[in-house]
């Protein structure tokens, strides 16, 4: 059994026991989170596709980690003008472990 969920503007295919990193969600490590933006649920031969969401479907997950990704450097330069800018960015993320899919 697996499901397609949408969170943080991205879509993820998840199954029970999977661990994934998503855009930052509110909550502490160990808390349970309900993802109710479920786009599709597949259970063997039975497939439910939402228009756009599957009614009553939820995916429960536990927060495993709250952290920051590796730094991404952005460097800009214009030749012969003396213009140079160097910036770094670390994106916040939440690591989730999928506990169950309720369709």
PDB file of N, CA and C in Angstrom:
ATOM      1  N   UNK A   1       0.847  -1.176   0.000  1.00  0.00           N
ATOM      2  CA  UNK A   1       0.000   0.000   0.000  1.00  0.00           C
ATOM      3  C   UNK A   1       0.891   1.239   0.000  1.00  0.00           C
ATOM      4  N   UNK A   2       0.554   2.191  -0.868  1.00  0.00           N
ATOM      5  CA  UNK A   2       1.300   3.444  -0.902  1.00  0.00           C
ATOM      6  C   UNK A   2       0.339   4.585  -1.207  1.00  0.00           C
ATOM      7  N   UNK A   3       0.841   5.807  -1.001  1.00  0.00           N
ATOM      8  CA  UNK A   3       0.031   6.996  -1.234  1.00  0.00           C
ATOM      9  C   UNK A   3       0.908   8.099  -1.813  1.00  0.00           C
ATOM     10  N   UNK A   4       0.263   9.021  -2.512  1.00  0.00           N
ATOM     11  CA  UNK A   4       0.931  10.223  -3.004  1.00  0.00           C
ATOM     12  C   UNK A   4       0.410  11.380  -2.154  1.00  0.00           C
ATOM     13  N   UNK A   5       1.319  12.065  -1.451  1.00  0.00           N
ATOM     14  CA  UNK A   5       0.921  13.186  -0.603  1.00  0.00           C
ATOM     15  C   UNK A   5       1.600  14.454  -1.095  1.00  0.00           C
ATOM     16  N   UNK A   6       0.958  15.598  -0.796  1.00  0.00           N
ATOM     17  CA  UNK A   6       1.522  16.894  -1.176  1.00  0.00           C
ATOM     18  C   UNK A   6       1.773  17.687   0.091  1.00  0.00           C
ATOM     19  N   UNK A   7       3.005  18.148   0.256  1.00  0.00           N
ATOM     20  CA  UNK A   7       3.366  19.003   1.385  1.00  0.00           C
ATOM     21  C   UNK A   7       4.520  19.894   0.960  1.00  0.00           C
ATOM     22  N   UNK A   8       4.453  21.139   1.361  1.00  0.00           N
ATOM     23  CA  UNK A   8       5.512  22.087   1.019  1.00  0.00           C
ATOM     24  C   UNK A   8       5.618  22.361  -0.465  1.00  0.00           C
ATOM     25  N   UNK A   9       4.512  22.200  -1.211  1.00  0.00           N
ATOM     26  CA  UNK A   9       4.538  22.465  -2.637  1.00  0.00           C
ATOM     27  C   UNK A   9       5.152  21.363  -3.473  1.00  0.00           C
ATOM     28  N   UNK A  10       5.447  20.223  -2.855  1.00  0.00           N
ATOM     29  CA  UNK A  10       6.038  19.090  -3.562  1.00  0.00           C
ATOM     30  C   UNK A  10       5.178  17.852  -3.323  1.00  0.00           C
ATOM     31  N   UNK A  11       5.312  16.850  -4.190  1.00  0.00           N
ATOM     32  CA  UNK A  11       4.570  15.607  -4.046  1.00  0.00           C
ATOM     33  C   UNK A  11       5.541  14.473  -3.750  1.00  0.00           C
ATOM     34  N   UNK A  12       5.127  13.572  -2.858  1.00  0.00           N
ATOM     35  CA  UNK A  12       5.963  12.454  -2.437  1.00  0.00           C
ATOM     36  C   UNK A  12       5.164  11.162  -2.483  1.00  0.00           C
ATOM     37  N   UNK A  13       5.804  10.080  -2.930  1.00  0.00           N
ATOM     38  CA  UNK A  13       5.196   8.755  -2.851  1.00  0.00           C
ATOM     39  C   UNK A  13       5.691   8.122  -1.564  1.00  0.00           C
ATOM     40  N   UNK A  14       4.753   7.717  -0.689  1.00  0.00           N
ATOM     41  CA  UNK A  14       5.125   7.197   0.616  1.00  0.00           C
ATOM     42  C   UNK A  14       4.445   5.854   0.865  1.00  0.00           C
ATOM     43  N   UNK A  15       5.098   5.028   1.643  1.00  0.00           N
ATOM     44  CA  UNK A  15       4.553   3.757   2.107  1.00  0.00           C
ATOM     45  C   UNK A  15       4.867   3.656   3.599  1.00  0.00           C
ATOM     46  N   UNK A  16       4.210   2.732   4.276  1.00  0.00           N
ATOM     47  CA  UNK A  16       4.432   2.585   5.711  1.00  0.00           C
ATOM     48  C   UNK A  16       5.883   2.194   5.974  1.00  0.00           C
ATOM     49  N   UNK A  17       6.518   2.884   6.933  1.00  0.00           N
ATOM     50  CA  UNK A  17       7.904   2.615   7.277  1.00  0.00           C
ATOM     51  C   UNK A  17       8.908   3.485   6.545  1.00  0.00           C
ATOM     52  N   UNK A  18       8.481   4.202   5.511  1.00  0.00           N
ATOM     53  CA  UNK A  18       9.390   5.080   4.764  1.00  0.00           C
ATOM     54  C   UNK A  18       9.821   6.257   5.625  1.00  0.00           C
ATOM     55  N   UNK A  19      11.007   6.772   5.316  1.00  0.00           N
ATOM     56  CA  UNK A  19      11.503   7.971   5.980  1.00  0.00           C
ATOM     57  C   UNK A  19      11.858   8.975   4.893  1.00  0.00           C
ATOM     58  N   UNK A  20      11.389  10.223   5.045  1.00  0.00           N
ATOM     59  CA  UNK A  20      11.645  11.215   4.018  1.00  0.00           C
ATOM     60  C   UNK A  20      11.826  12.586   4.642  1.00  0.00           C
ATOM     61  N   UNK A  21      12.483  13.464   3.872  1.00  0.00           N
ATOM     62  CA  UNK A  21      12.693  14.851   4.290  1.00  0.00           C
ATOM     63  C   UNK A  21      11.746  15.736   3.512  1.00  0.00           C
ATOM     64  N   UNK A  22      11.014  16.568   4.232  1.00  0.00           N
ATOM     65  CA  UNK A  22      10.071  17.493   3.612  1.00  0.00           C
ATOM     66  C   UNK A  22      10.415  18.907   4.065  1.00  0.00           C
ATOM     67  N   UNK A  23       9.771  19.892   3.454  1.00  0.00           N
ATOM     68  CA  UNK A  23       9.946  21.267   3.893  1.00  0.00           C
ATOM     69  C   UNK A  23       9.535  21.368   5.356  1.00  0.00           C
ATOM     70  N   UNK A  24      10.065  22.323   6.061  1.00  0.00           N
ATOM     71  CA  UNK A  24       9.889  22.439   7.504  1.00  0.00           C
ATOM     72  C   UNK A  24       8.418  22.453   7.924  1.00  0.00           C
ATOM     73  N   UNK A  25       8.084  21.589   8.894  1.00  0.00           N
ATOM     74  CA  UNK A  25       6.750  21.527   9.494  1.00  0.00           C
ATOM     75  C   UNK A  25       6.865  21.881  10.968  1.00  0.00           C
ATOM     76  N   UNK A  26       5.815  22.472  11.511  1.00  0.00           N
ATOM     77  CA  UNK A  26       5.810  22.821  12.933  1.00  0.00           C
ATOM     78  C   UNK A  26       5.677  21.554  13.765  1.00  0.00           C
ATOM     79  N   UNK A  27       6.422  21.495  14.871  1.00  0.00           N
ATOM     80  CA  UNK A  27       6.335  20.358  15.776  1.00  0.00           C
ATOM     81  C   UNK A  27       7.691  19.976  16.316  1.00  0.00           C
ATOM     82  N   UNK A  28       7.657  19.231  17.408  1.00  0.00           N
ATOM     83  CA  UNK A  28       8.882  18.769  18.056  1.00  0.00           C
ATOM     84  C   UNK A  28       9.172  17.325  17.646  1.00  0.00           C
ATOM     85  N   UNK A  29      10.413  16.896  17.871  1.00  0.00           N
ATOM     86  CA  UNK A  29      10.812  15.523  17.576  1.00  0.00           C
ATOM     87  C   UNK A  29       9.983  14.572  18.436  1.00  0.00           C
ATOM     88  N   UNK A  30       9.427  13.543  17.805  1.00  0.00           N
ATOM     89  CA  UNK A  30       8.605  12.567  18.505  1.00  0.00           C
ATOM     90  C   UNK A  30       7.113  12.810  18.376  1.00  0.00           C
ATOM     91  N   UNK A  31       6.707  13.993  17.923  1.00  0.00           N
ATOM     92  CA  UNK A  31       5.289  14.286  17.755  1.00  0.00           C
ATOM     93  C   UNK A  31       4.753  13.605  16.502  1.00  0.00           C
ATOM     94  N   UNK A  32       3.436  13.367  16.500  1.00  0.00           N
ATOM     95  CA  UNK A  32       2.768  12.775  15.348  1.00  0.00           C
ATOM     96  C   UNK A  32       2.142  13.882  14.507  1.00  0.00           C
ATOM     97  N   UNK A  33       2.287  13.755  13.188  1.00  0.00           N
ATOM     98  CA  UNK A  33       1.770  14.735  12.245  1.00  0.00           C
ATOM     99  C   UNK A  33       0.810  14.008  11.302  1.00  0.00           C
ATOM    100  N   UNK A  34      -0.322  14.639  11.005  1.00  0.00           N
ATOM    101  CA  UNK A  34      -1.280  14.097  10.045  1.00  0.00           C
ATOM    102  C   UNK A  34      -1.129  14.859   8.726  1.00  0.00           C
ATOM    103  N   UNK A  35      -0.846  14.144   7.648  1.00  0.00           N
ATOM    104  CA  UNK A  35      -0.791  14.737   6.315  1.00  0.00           C
ATOM    105  C   UNK A  35      -2.114  14.406   5.639  1.00  0.00           C
ATOM    106  N   UNK A  36      -2.980  15.418   5.477  1.00  0.00           N
ATOM    107  CA  UNK A  36      -4.312  15.153   4.935  1.00  0.00           C
ATOM    108  C   UNK A  36      -4.459  15.595   3.478  1.00  0.00           C
ATOM    109  N   UNK A  37      -3.396  16.074   2.866  1.00  0.00           N
ATOM    110  CA  UNK A  37      -3.417  16.455   1.463  1.00  0.00           C
ATOM    111  C   UNK A  37      -2.982  15.247   0.619  1.00  0.00           C
ATOM    112  N   UNK A  38      -3.814  14.198   0.612  1.00  0.00           N
ATOM    113  CA  UNK A  38      -3.509  12.939  -0.060  1.00  0.00           C
ATOM    114  C   UNK A  38      -4.119  12.979  -1.461  1.00  0.00           C
ATOM    115  N   UNK A  39      -3.287  12.815  -2.491  1.00  0.00           N
ATOM    116  CA  UNK A  39      -3.735  12.901  -3.870  1.00  0.00           C
ATOM    117  C   UNK A  39      -4.133  11.552  -4.448  1.00  0.00           C
ATOM    118  N   UNK A  40      -3.507  10.461  -3.950  1.00  0.00           N
ATOM    119  CA  UNK A  40      -3.812   9.134  -4.458  1.00  0.00           C
ATOM    120  C   UNK A  40      -3.479   8.089  -3.408  1.00  0.00           C
ATOM    121  N   UNK A  41      -4.274   7.032  -3.352  1.00  0.00           N
ATOM    122  CA  UNK A  41      -4.005   5.901  -2.470  1.00  0.00           C
ATOM    123  C   UNK A  41      -4.124   4.633  -3.304  1.00  0.00           C
ATOM    124  N   UNK A  42      -3.105   3.774  -3.252  1.00  0.00           N
ATOM    125  CA  UNK A  42      -3.116   2.524  -3.998  1.00  0.00           C
ATOM    126  C   UNK A  42      -2.904   1.368  -3.026  1.00  0.00           C
ATOM    127  N   UNK A  43      -3.776   0.366  -3.131  1.00  0.00           N
ATOM    128  CA  UNK A  43      -3.695  -0.826  -2.279  1.00  0.00           C
ATOM    129  C   UNK A  43      -3.868  -2.046  -3.175  1.00  0.00           C
ATOM    130  N   UNK A  44      -2.779  -2.488  -3.781  1.00  0.00           N
ATOM    131  CA  UNK A  44      -2.857  -3.619  -4.694  1.00  0.00           C
ATOM    132  C   UNK A  44      -3.657  -3.260  -5.937  1.00  0.00           C
ATOM    133  N   UNK A  45      -4.828  -3.890  -6.107  1.00  0.00           N
ATOM    134  CA  UNK A  45      -5.681  -3.629  -7.260  1.00  0.00           C
ATOM    135  C   UNK A  45      -6.541  -2.383  -7.081  1.00  0.00           C
ATOM    136  N   UNK A  46      -6.805  -1.991  -5.827  1.00  0.00           N
ATOM    137  CA  UNK A  46      -7.654  -0.835  -5.557  1.00  0.00           C
ATOM    138  C   UNK A  46      -6.835   0.452  -5.606  1.00  0.00           C
ATOM    139  N   UNK A  47      -7.251   1.368  -6.480  1.00  0.00           N
ATOM    140  CA  UNK A  47      -6.572   2.657  -6.601  1.00  0.00           C
ATOM    141  C   UNK A  47      -7.625   3.750  -6.483  1.00  0.00           C
ATOM    142  N   UNK A  48      -7.406   4.677  -5.548  1.00  0.00           N
ATOM    143  CA  UNK A  48      -8.300   5.823  -5.392  1.00  0.00           C
ATOM    144  C   UNK A  48      -7.533   7.070  -5.795  1.00  0.00           C
ATOM    145  N   UNK A  49      -8.068   7.789  -6.770  1.00  0.00           N
ATOM    146  CA  UNK A  49      -7.439   9.019  -7.243  1.00  0.00           C
ATOM    147  C   UNK A  49      -8.351  10.176  -6.883  1.00  0.00           C
ATOM    148  N   UNK A  50      -7.798  11.196  -6.245  1.00  0.00           N
ATOM    149  CA  UNK A  50      -8.588  12.334  -5.798  1.00  0.00           C
ATOM    150  C   UNK A  50      -8.793  13.360  -6.888  1.00  0.00           C
ATOM    151  N   UNK A  51      -9.790  14.235  -6.666  1.00  0.00           N
ATOM    152  CA  UNK A  51     -10.078  15.306  -7.600  1.00  0.00           C
ATOM    153  C   UNK A  51     -10.178  16.627  -6.858  1.00  0.00           C
ATOM    154  N   UNK A  52      -9.195  17.250  -6.303  1.00  0.00           N
ATOM    155  CA  UNK A  52      -7.784  16.890  -6.329  1.00  0.00           C
ATOM    156  C   UNK A  52      -7.344  16.008  -5.159  1.00  0.00           C
ATOM    157  N   UNK A  53      -8.153  15.938  -4.050  1.00  0.00           N
ATOM    158  CA  UNK A  53      -7.753  15.133  -2.897  1.00  0.00           C
ATOM    159  C   UNK A  53      -8.677  13.939  -2.739  1.00  0.00           C
ATOM    160  N   UNK A  54      -8.162  12.879  -2.113  1.00  0.00           N
ATOM    161  CA  UNK A  54      -8.980  11.723  -1.764  1.00  0.00           C
ATOM    162  C   UNK A  54      -9.703  12.054  -0.465  1.00  0.00           C
ATOM    163  N   UNK A  55     -11.026  11.994  -0.489  1.00  0.00           N
ATOM    164  CA  UNK A  55     -11.827  12.350   0.688  1.00  0.00           C
ATOM    165  C   UNK A  55     -11.588  11.353   1.824  1.00  0.00           C
ATOM    166  N   UNK A  56     -11.305  11.872   3.011  1.00  0.00           N
ATOM    167  CA  UNK A  56     -11.152  11.050   4.209  1.00  0.00           C
ATOM    168  C   UNK A  56      -9.825  10.332   4.341  1.00  0.00           C
ATOM    169  N   UNK A  57      -8.933  10.487   3.386  1.00  0.00           N
ATOM    170  CA  UNK A  57      -7.635   9.807   3.453  1.00  0.00           C
ATOM    171  C   UNK A  57      -6.643  10.657   4.231  1.00  0.00           C
ATOM    172  N   UNK A  58      -5.877   9.997   5.094  1.00  0.00           N
ATOM    173  CA  UNK A  58      -4.842  10.677   5.877  1.00  0.00           C
ATOM    174  C   UNK A  58      -3.622   9.782   5.972  1.00  0.00           C
ATOM    175  N   UNK A  59      -2.475  10.420   6.071  1.00  0.00           N
ATOM    176  CA  UNK A  59      -1.214   9.713   6.290  1.00  0.00           C
ATOM    177  C   UNK A  59      -0.661  10.197   7.614  1.00  0.00           C
ATOM    178  N   UNK A  60      -0.413   9.274   8.535  1.00  0.00           N
ATOM    179  CA  UNK A  60       0.147   9.659   9.830  1.00  0.00           C
ATOM    180  C   UNK A  60       1.651   9.419   9.809  1.00  0.00           C
ATOM    181  N   UNK A  61       2.387  10.379  10.356  1.00  0.00           N
ATOM    182  CA  UNK A  61       3.848  10.324  10.363  1.00  0.00           C
ATOM    183  C   UNK A  61       4.365  10.849  11.693  1.00  0.00           C
ATOM    184  N   UNK A  62       5.555  10.418  12.058  1.00  0.00           N
ATOM    185  CA  UNK A  62       6.218  10.872  13.271  1.00  0.00           C
ATOM    186  C   UNK A  62       7.431  11.702  12.881  1.00  0.00           C
ATOM    187  N   UNK A  63       7.608  12.813  13.572  1.00  0.00           N
ATOM    188  CA  UNK A  63       8.768  13.671  13.310  1.00  0.00           C
ATOM    189  C   UNK A  63      10.005  13.018  13.922  1.00  0.00           C
ATOM    190  N   UNK A  64      10.993  12.750  13.062  1.00  0.00           N
ATOM    191  CA  UNK A  64      12.231  12.107  13.496  1.00  0.00           C
ATOM    192  C   UNK A  64      13.312  13.140  13.772  1.00  0.00           C
ATOM    193  N   UNK A  65      13.326  14.216  12.968  1.00  0.00           N
ATOM    194  CA  UNK A  65      14.398  15.208  13.084  1.00  0.00           C
ATOM    195  C   UNK A  65      13.931  16.542  12.526  1.00  0.00           C
ATOM    196  N   UNK A  66      14.386  17.613  13.150  1.00  0.00           N
ATOM    197  CA  UNK A  66      14.222  18.971  12.625  1.00  0.00           C
ATOM    198  C   UNK A  66      15.639  19.487  12.392  1.00  0.00           C
ATOM    199  N   UNK A  67      15.952  19.900  11.184  1.00  0.00           N
ATOM    200  CA  UNK A  67      17.320  20.319  10.942  1.00  0.00           C
ATOM    201  C   UNK A  67      17.452  21.258   9.769  1.00  0.00           C
ATOM    202  N   UNK A  68      18.717  21.481   9.384  1.00  0.00           N
ATOM    203  CA  UNK A  68      19.040  22.329   8.239  1.00  0.00           C
ATOM    204  C   UNK A  68      19.834  21.506   7.239  1.00  0.00           C
ATOM    205  N   UNK A  69      19.562  21.722   5.956  1.00  0.00           N
ATOM    206  CA  UNK A  69      20.274  21.030   4.892  1.00  0.00           C
ATOM    207  C   UNK A  69      21.680  21.626   4.732  1.00  0.00           C
ATOM    208  N   UNK A  70      22.469  21.034   3.854  1.00  0.00           N
ATOM    209  CA  UNK A  70      23.801  21.561   3.591  1.00  0.00           C
ATOM    210  C   UNK A  70      23.694  22.944   2.962  1.00  0.00           C
ATOM    211  N   UNK A  71      24.726  23.751   3.160  1.00  0.00           N
ATOM    212  CA  UNK A  71      24.727  25.125   2.671  1.00  0.00           C
ATOM    213  C   UNK A  71      24.867  25.160   1.153  1.00  0.00           C
ATOM    214  N   UNK A  72      24.054  26.007   0.546  1.00  0.00           N
ATOM    215  CA  UNK A  72      24.129  26.265  -0.884  1.00  0.00           C
ATOM    216  C   UNK A  72      24.712  27.660  -1.044  1.00  0.00           C
ATOM    217  N   UNK A  73      25.821  27.762  -1.797  1.00  0.00           N
ATOM    218  CA  UNK A  73      26.470  29.052  -2.009  1.00  0.00           C
ATOM    219  C   UNK A  73      25.975  29.684  -3.303  1.00  0.00           C
ATOM    220  N   UNK A  74      25.721  30.991  -3.235  1.00  0.00           N
ATOM    221  CA  UNK A  74      25.309  31.764  -4.408  1.00  0.00           C
ATOM    222  C   UNK A  74      26.375  32.845  -4.596  1.00  0.00           C
ATOM    223  N   UNK A  75      26.986  32.867  -5.770  1.00  0.00           N
ATOM    224  CA  UNK A  75      28.053  33.821  -6.053  1.00  0.00           C
ATOM    225  C   UNK A  75      27.702  34.591  -7.318  1.00  0.00           C
ATOM    226  N   UNK A  76      27.734  35.919  -7.231  1.00  0.00           N
ATOM    227  CA  UNK A  76      27.443  36.776  -8.374  1.00  0.00           C
ATOM    228  C   UNK A  76      28.640  37.677  -8.622  1.00  0.00           C
ATOM    229  N   UNK A  77      28.919  37.926  -9.906  1.00  0.00           N
ATOM    230  CA  UNK A  77      30.049  38.789 -10.265  1.00  0.00           C
ATOM    231  C   UNK A  77      29.766  39.430 -11.607  1.00  0.00           C
ATOM    232  N   UNK A  78      30.143  40.695 -11.720  1.00  0.00           N
ATOM    233  CA  UNK A  78      30.066  41.384 -13.009  1.00  0.00           C
ATOM    234  C   UNK A  78      31.484  41.797 -13.376  1.00  0.00           C
ATOM    235  N   UNK A  79      31.896  41.397 -14.541  1.00  0.00           N
ATOM    236  CA  UNK A  79      33.283  41.656 -14.923  1.00  0.00           C
ATOM    237  C   UNK A  79      33.549  43.139 -15.131  1.00  0.00           C
ATOM    238  N   UNK A  80      34.723  43.538 -14.713  1.00  0.00           N
ATOM    239  CA  UNK A  80      35.239  44.897 -14.865  1.00  0.00           C
ATOM    240  C   UNK A  80      34.466  45.952 -14.092  1.00  0.00           C
ATOM    241  N   UNK A  81      33.592  45.590 -13.200  1.00  0.00           N
ATOM    242  CA  UNK A  81      32.796  46.565 -12.458  1.00  0.00           C
ATOM    243  C   UNK A  81      33.091  46.550 -10.959  1.00  0.00           C
ATOM    244  N   UNK A  82      33.841  45.566 -10.502  1.00  0.00           N
ATOM    245  CA  UNK A  82      34.147  45.477  -9.080  1.00  0.00           C
ATOM    246  C   UNK A  82      32.982  44.953  -8.245  1.00  0.00           C
ATOM    247  N   UNK A  83      31.994  44.360  -8.894  1.00  0.00           N
ATOM    248  CA  UNK A  83      30.803  43.856  -8.204  1.00  0.00           C
ATOM    249  C   UNK A  83      30.945  42.368  -7.945  1.00  0.00           C
ATOM    250  N   UNK A  84      30.964  41.993  -6.649  1.00  0.00           N
ATOM    251  CA  UNK A  84      31.005  40.594  -6.251  1.00  0.00           C
ATOM    252  C   UNK A  84      30.135  40.413  -5.020  1.00  0.00           C
ATOM    253  N   UNK A  85      29.272  39.405  -5.038  1.00  0.00           N
ATOM    254  CA  UNK A  85      28.419  39.093  -3.895  1.00  0.00           C
ATOM    255  C   UNK A  85      28.480  37.590  -3.669  1.00  0.00           C
ATOM    256  N   UNK A  86      28.709  37.196  -2.427  1.00  0.00           N
ATOM    257  CA  UNK A  86      28.721  35.784  -2.069  1.00  0.00           C
ATOM    258  C   UNK A  86      27.754  35.593  -0.916  1.00  0.00           C
ATOM    259  N   UNK A  87      26.754  34.735  -1.125  1.00  0.00           N
ATOM    260  CA  UNK A  87      25.750  34.477  -0.095  1.00  0.00           C
ATOM    261  C   UNK A  87      25.592  32.984   0.077  1.00  0.00           C
ATOM    262  N   UNK A  88      25.186  32.586   1.278  1.00  0.00           N
ATOM    263  CA  UNK A  88      24.914  31.185   1.551  1.00  0.00           C
ATOM    264  C   UNK A  88      23.507  31.022   2.097  1.00  0.00           C
ATOM    265  N   UNK A  89      22.933  29.842   1.893  1.00  0.00           N
ATOM    266  CA  UNK A  89      21.575  29.571   2.387  1.00  0.00           C
ATOM    267  C   UNK A  89      21.494  28.122   2.847  1.00  0.00           C
ATOM    268  N   UNK A  90      20.883  27.914   4.014  1.00  0.00           N
ATOM    269  CA  UNK A  90      20.630  26.562   4.528  1.00  0.00           C
ATOM    270  C   UNK A  90      19.134  26.410   4.712  1.00  0.00           C
ATOM    271  N   UNK A  91      18.536  25.492   3.956  1.00  0.00           N
ATOM    272  CA  UNK A  91      17.090  25.278   3.985  1.00  0.00           C
ATOM    273  C   UNK A  91      16.705  24.433   5.192  1.00  0.00           C
ATOM    274  N   UNK A  92      15.653  24.842   5.894  1.00  0.00           N
ATOM    275  CA  UNK A  92      15.129  24.075   7.028  1.00  0.00           C
ATOM    276  C   UNK A  92      14.369  22.862   6.492  1.00  0.00           C
ATOM    277  N   UNK A  93      14.458  21.732   7.183  1.00  0.00           N
ATOM    278  CA  UNK A  93      13.712  20.548   6.778  1.00  0.00           C
ATOM    279  C   UNK A  93      13.193  19.813   8.003  1.00  0.00           C
ATOM    280  N   UNK A  94      12.234  18.925   7.761  1.00  0.00           N
ATOM    281  CA  UNK A  94      11.698  18.039   8.780  1.00  0.00           C
ATOM    282  C   UNK A  94      11.792  16.620   8.241  1.00  0.00           C
ATOM    283  N   UNK A  95      12.417  15.725   8.994  1.00  0.00           N
ATOM    284  CA  UNK A  95      12.496  14.318   8.603  1.00  0.00           C
ATOM    285  C   UNK A  95      11.312  13.586   9.235  1.00  0.00           C
ATOM    286  N   UNK A  96      10.559  12.852   8.406  1.00  0.00           N
ATOM    287  CA  UNK A  96       9.370  12.145   8.852  1.00  0.00           C
ATOM    288  C   UNK A  96       9.525  10.654   8.651  1.00  0.00           C
ATOM    289  N   UNK A  97       8.914   9.864   9.549  1.00  0.00           N
ATOM    290  CA  UNK A  97       8.795   8.415   9.365  1.00  0.00           C
ATOM    291  C   UNK A  97       7.294   8.118   9.242  1.00  0.00           C
ATOM    292  N   UNK A  98       6.904   7.496   8.145  1.00  0.00           N
ATOM    293  CA  UNK A  98       5.498   7.226   7.868  1.00  0.00           C
ATOM    294  C   UNK A  98       5.044   6.042   8.734  1.00  0.00           C
ATOM    295  N   UNK A  99       4.008   6.284   9.538  1.00  0.00           N
ATOM    296  CA  UNK A  99       3.489   5.256  10.450  1.00  0.00           C
ATOM    297  C   UNK A  99       2.319   4.481   9.854  1.00  0.00           C
ATOM    298  N   UNK A 100       1.471   5.160   9.081  1.00  0.00           N
ATOM    299  CA  UNK A 100       0.328   4.456   8.508  1.00  0.00           C
ATOM    300  C   UNK A 100      -0.416   5.294   7.491  1.00  0.00           C
ATOM    301  N   UNK A 101      -1.187   4.598   6.645  1.00  0.00           N
ATOM    302  CA  UNK A 101      -2.006   5.259   5.627  1.00  0.00           C
ATOM    303  C   UNK A 101      -3.442   4.853   5.880  1.00  0.00           C
ATOM    304  N   UNK A 102      -4.300   5.838   6.133  1.00  0.00           N
ATOM    305  CA  UNK A 102      -5.715   5.576   6.356  1.00  0.00           C
ATOM    306  C   UNK A 102      -6.489   6.070   5.153  1.00  0.00           C
ATOM    307  N   UNK A 103      -7.139   5.152   4.459  1.00  0.00           N
ATOM    308  CA  UNK A 103      -7.926   5.564   3.305  1.00  0.00           C
ATOM    309  C   UNK A 103      -9.361   5.450   3.690  1.00  0.00           C
TER     310      UNK A 103
END
